[in-house]
Amino acid sequence: MGELIHDGRPTACAGDAAFAYVDAHTEHANIGFFFGAFLDDPAGLLQGAGKRMRHIKLRTSRMPDEAALSELIIAAYHDIRRRLDETRL
């Protein structure tokens, strides 16, 4: 796994493929997932209605469940690895 800055945002990658980013705002921060619409989200943390992308808002007054957030990050990593493997077949 690697990191880079893409469009001014810290971005997590698996190989050459980005799967998550962090975006800081004045009142909150977002953790975004490039293929978040395809992730299982039993805790209902993901927001957004885009075709592929979803994000989680982090606010000091209301932080998400840490275990559920960790599971989404791991799931996003496994999802992008699967997508990379499928393109190599």
Protein backbone atom coordinates (compact mmCIF):
# COMPACT_ATOMS: atom_id res chain seq x y z
CA MET A 1 0.00 0.00 0.00
CA GLY A 2 1.25 3.47 -0.79
CA GLU A 3 0.29 7.07 -0.31
CA LEU A 4 0.42 10.09 -2.55
CA ILE A 5 -1.07 13.55 -2.91
CA HIS A 6 -3.77 13.63 -5.62
CA ASP A 7 -5.72 16.83 -6.31
CA GLY A 8 -4.21 18.25 -3.12
CA ARG A 9 -5.55 15.41 -0.95
CA PRO A 10 -3.61 12.62 0.80
CA THR A 11 -4.60 9.47 -1.06
CA ALA A 12 -4.10 5.79 -0.19
CA CYS A 13 -3.22 3.46 -3.05
CA ALA A 14 -2.82 -0.24 -3.71
CA GLY A 15 -0.19 -0.38 -6.39
CA ASP A 16 -1.10 2.37 -8.85
CA ALA A 17 -4.80 2.40 -7.93
CA ALA A 18 -6.22 4.90 -5.47
CA PHE A 19 -8.90 3.60 -3.11
CA ALA A 20 -9.29 6.23 -0.36
CA TYR A 21 -8.49 9.86 0.40
CA VAL A 22 -8.68 12.38 3.24
CA ASP A 23 -10.11 15.85 2.70
CA ALA A 24 -9.97 18.52 5.42
CA HIS A 25 -12.63 21.24 5.73
CA THR A 26 -13.13 23.97 8.34
CA GLU A 27 -15.80 22.13 10.34
CA HIS A 28 -15.07 18.50 9.46
CA ALA A 29 -12.86 16.08 7.55
CA ASN A 30 -13.90 13.44 5.03
CA ILE A 31 -12.51 10.00 4.42
CA GLY A 32 -13.57 9.18 0.89
CA PHE A 33 -13.65 5.89 -0.98
CA PHE A 34 -13.36 5.90 -4.76
CA PHE A 35 -15.52 2.75 -5.06
CA GLY A 36 -17.48 3.31 -1.84
CA ALA A 37 -20.84 2.69 -3.51
CA PHE A 38 -19.84 -0.97 -3.84
CA LEU A 39 -18.75 -1.50 -0.22
CA ASP A 40 -20.85 -3.25 2.40
CA ASP A 41 -21.64 -0.70 5.09
CA PRO A 42 -23.62 -2.40 7.87
CA ALA A 43 -22.98 0.52 10.27
CA GLY A 44 -24.40 3.03 7.76
CA LEU A 45 -21.35 5.31 7.87
CA LEU A 46 -21.06 6.11 4.17
CA GLN A 47 -22.65 9.24 2.75
CA GLY A 48 -23.15 10.42 -0.80
CA ALA A 49 -25.16 9.49 -3.83
CA GLY A 50 -22.54 9.39 -6.56
CA LYS A 51 -22.27 6.56 -9.04
CA ARG A 52 -19.10 5.20 -7.39
CA MET A 53 -17.75 7.43 -4.63
CA ARG A 54 -18.85 7.65 -0.99
CA HIS A 55 -17.39 9.39 2.05
CA ILE A 56 -17.55 9.48 5.82
CA LYS A 57 -17.68 12.82 7.63
CA LEU A 58 -15.52 13.11 10.72
CA ARG A 59 -16.57 15.73 13.26
CA THR A 60 -15.13 16.18 16.72
CA SER A 61 -18.67 16.23 18.09
CA ARG A 62 -19.65 12.96 16.38
CA MET A 63 -16.93 10.51 15.44
CA PRO A 64 -17.83 7.21 13.74
CA ASP A 65 -17.36 3.85 15.41
CA GLU A 66 -13.64 3.13 15.10
CA ALA A 67 -14.06 -0.58 14.39
CA ALA A 68 -16.66 0.05 11.66
CA LEU A 69 -14.41 2.69 10.06
CA SER A 70 -11.43 0.31 10.14
CA GLU A 71 -13.52 -2.41 8.51
CA LEU A 72 -14.51 -0.04 5.68
CA ILE A 73 -10.89 0.95 5.05
CA ILE A 74 -9.84 -2.70 4.94
CA ALA A 75 -12.80 -3.58 2.70
CA ALA A 76 -11.91 -0.72 0.32
CA TYR A 77 -8.33 -1.99 0.11
CA HIS A 78 -9.46 -5.56 -0.63
CA ASP A 79 -11.97 -4.27 -3.18
CA ILE A 80 -9.34 -2.35 -5.15
CA ARG A 81 -6.94 -5.31 -5.01
CA ARG A 82 -9.69 -7.53 -6.44
CA ARG A 83 -10.38 -4.98 -9.19
CA LEU A 84 -6.67 -4.83 -10.04
CA ASP A 85 -6.44 -8.63 -10.18
CA GLU A 86 -9.48 -8.80 -12.48
CA THR A 87 -7.92 -6.35 -14.94
CA ARG A 88 -4.78 -8.50 -15.15
CA LEU A 89 -6.64 -11.67 -16.17
